[in-house]
C-alpha cells in the first residue's frame, strides 16, 4: 500500500534503562553534600526529564523556566505515550522482560511524571 511503512522501528530498546540511570544519577546528586557541578546535574535532568535537577540551572528568567517546565512535561508525555503504545501492542521493552509489576510501576512513576 502506498504510504504504509514496510516495517516498524522499535527505536532504542534500552531507552528506559538509559533514562532511568540519568534520573537516578540526578536524584543522588540533588542531595546535600554532592560534588556534582550544577551544569552536569542539569544535563542529567534534561536527559531524564527530572524537573528538580533541571530547574536550578534555568535561573529566574521566565523564558528559561518556561522552557525547562515544558521540556520536562514533554519528556513525561513521550514516555507515557511509548509505554501506552507497548501496552497496546502487548509488547514489553527489553528492560521490562524480567520485571515484576511493582518494579514496572515504580519505573513508570519515575519516568512518566
Foldseek 3Di string as FASTA:
>chain_A
DPPDDPDDDPPDLCLLVVLVVLLVVLVVQVDPPHPDDLVSSLVSCLSNLPLVSNQVVLPDPPVSNVVSNVSSQVQLVVLVVSVVVCVVVVHDRPVCPPPDPVVVVVSNVSRND
